[in-house]
Protein backbone atom coordinates (compact mmCIF):
# COMPACT_ATOMS: atom_id res chain seq x y z
CA MET A 1 152.73 137.55 110.44
CA PRO A 2 149.34 137.50 112.22
CA ASN A 3 147.29 134.31 112.53
CA ARG A 4 144.76 134.42 109.69
CA ARG A 5 142.55 131.63 111.06
CA ALA A 6 139.28 132.60 112.68
CA ASP A 7 138.53 131.23 116.13
CA ILE A 8 135.59 128.87 116.68
CA SER A 9 133.24 131.57 118.01
CA THR A 10 133.89 133.72 114.92
CA LYS A 11 133.22 130.75 112.64
CA ILE A 12 129.97 129.96 114.45
CA SER A 13 128.90 133.60 114.26
CA VAL A 14 129.60 133.69 110.52
CA ILE A 15 127.74 130.43 109.97
CA ARG A 16 124.73 131.72 111.92
CA GLY A 17 124.66 134.87 109.79
CA VAL A 18 124.77 132.89 106.56
CA ALA A 19 122.15 130.44 107.87
CA ALA A 20 119.79 133.29 108.76
CA LYS A 21 120.05 134.72 105.24
CA LEU A 22 119.66 131.26 103.69
CA HIS A 23 116.53 130.48 105.72
CA ALA A 24 115.08 133.90 104.86
CA ALA A 25 115.71 133.25 101.16
CA GLU A 26 114.11 129.78 101.36
CA GLU A 27 111.04 131.23 103.06
CA ALA A 28 110.76 134.07 100.54
CA ILE A 29 110.89 131.60 97.66
CA ASP A 30 108.18 129.43 99.26
CA LEU A 31 105.97 132.49 99.84
CA ALA A 32 106.45 133.53 96.21
CA ILE A 33 105.49 130.01 95.10
CA VAL A 34 102.33 130.21 97.21
CA ALA A 35 101.40 133.62 95.77
CA LEU A 36 102.03 132.57 92.18
CA SER A 37 100.15 129.30 92.70
CA GLU A 38 97.18 131.29 93.97
CA LEU A 39 97.36 133.53 90.90
CA ASN A 40 97.56 130.50 88.60
CA SER A 41 94.49 128.95 90.20
CA GLU A 42 92.59 132.25 90.04
CA LEU A 43 93.15 132.88 86.33
CA PRO A 44 90.86 130.13 84.94
CA SER A 45 88.20 130.89 87.57
CA ALA A 46 88.28 134.59 86.67
CA ARG A 47 88.01 133.77 82.95
CA MET A 48 85.01 131.51 83.52
CA GLU A 49 83.32 133.97 85.89
CA ALA A 50 83.74 136.74 83.30
CA LYS A 51 82.30 134.34 80.68
CA LEU A 52 85.24 134.83 78.36
CA SER A 53 86.39 132.48 75.62
CA ALA A 54 89.02 129.89 76.58
CA THR A 55 91.42 131.63 74.21
CA VAL A 56 91.28 134.88 76.19
CA GLY A 57 94.32 135.30 78.39
CA GLN A 58 96.09 132.13 77.24
CA PRO A 59 99.48 133.87 76.90
CA ALA A 60 99.14 135.17 80.47
CA PHE A 61 98.23 131.67 81.71
CA GLU A 62 101.31 130.22 80.06
CA LEU A 63 103.65 132.96 81.29
CA SER A 64 102.36 132.69 84.83
CA ALA A 65 102.79 128.91 84.78
CA GLN A 66 106.34 129.33 83.43
CA ALA A 67 107.10 131.82 86.21
CA LEU A 68 105.91 129.26 88.76
CA GLN A 69 108.12 126.60 87.19
CA SER A 70 111.06 129.00 87.38
CA LEU A 71 110.40 129.49 91.09
CA ILE A 72 110.27 125.73 91.60
CA GLN A 73 113.65 125.44 89.86
CA CYS A 74 114.97 128.33 91.98
CA ARG A 75 113.79 126.48 95.10
CA ARG A 76 115.61 123.30 94.04
CA GLN A 77 118.81 125.25 93.37
CA THR A 78 118.57 127.00 96.73
CA ILE A 79 118.15 123.66 98.47
CA GLU A 80 121.22 122.39 96.61
CA ALA A 81 123.11 125.50 97.75
CA HIS A 82 121.95 124.71 101.30
CA GLY A 83 123.52 121.27 100.98
CA ALA A 84 126.75 122.71 99.62
CA LEU A 85 126.91 125.18 102.49
CA ALA A 86 126.38 122.34 104.98
CA GLU A 87 129.34 120.57 103.38
CA THR A 88 131.44 123.71 103.70
CA GLN A 89 130.47 123.90 107.36
CA ARG A 90 131.67 120.33 107.89
CA ASP A 91 134.87 121.12 105.98
CA MET A 92 135.44 123.98 108.43
CA GLY A 93 135.43 121.40 111.21
CA LEU A 94 132.02 122.33 112.56
CA GLY A 95 129.23 119.84 113.05
CA ALA A 96 125.56 120.47 112.49
CA TYR A 97 123.85 123.20 114.45
CA ALA A 98 120.08 123.37 114.82
CA MET A 99 119.37 126.82 113.42
CA GLY A 100 116.15 126.38 111.48
CA ASP A 101 112.69 125.91 112.89
CA GLY A 102 111.55 123.23 110.45
CA TRP A 103 111.47 119.47 110.84
CA LYS A 104 113.84 117.43 108.73
CA ILE A 105 112.81 114.11 107.26
CA ILE A 106 115.78 111.79 107.11
CA PRO A 107 115.65 109.03 104.49
CA GLN A 108 115.51 105.55 106.05
CA GLY A 109 118.97 104.54 104.80
CA GLN A 110 120.60 107.54 106.49
CA ILE A 111 119.32 106.86 109.99
CA GLY A 112 122.03 105.74 112.36
CA THR A 113 121.51 103.33 115.20
CA LEU A 114 121.56 104.26 118.84
CA GLU A 115 123.32 102.04 121.31
CA LEU A 116 122.91 101.99 125.05
CA VAL A 117 126.19 102.66 126.80
CA LYS A 118 126.53 101.60 130.43
CA ASP A 119 127.65 104.25 132.86
CA GLN A 120 131.25 103.48 133.80
CA ALA A 121 131.20 105.63 136.93
CA ALA A 122 131.00 103.47 140.04
C-alpha cells in the first residue's frame, strides 16, 4: 500500500496555491466594495444635478445599498474562511508563512514577549 501522506514541499505548494486564490478573492471583494461605494455616493449627486425629485430612483438607491451590505457580509465571511484555513494549516503541522503583501495588526493581548537569549557558543 503506497504512502498516502504528502511530503512537506507538496503541502507548502498546495498551501501557497490556496493562499494565492484566497488573496485574489479578498482583493476582488475589496475592489467590488470600492466600486459599489462609488456608485452609491454618485446616485444622490446625480439625482440632485439632474434636479429630480427625492423620490426618483429610491428603489435603485436601496438596492445598491443592499448590494454593498451583501459585499460587506461576503468580506466578513471570506475573512472568517481565511482564519479557518490558517487553522487547517496549523493542523497540518505547518506554521505561518508570510504570503500576503499586507500588514497585519495584532491585538494587544495577542502580542508575545521577546526575550534576549545569551549566545552559548564560547
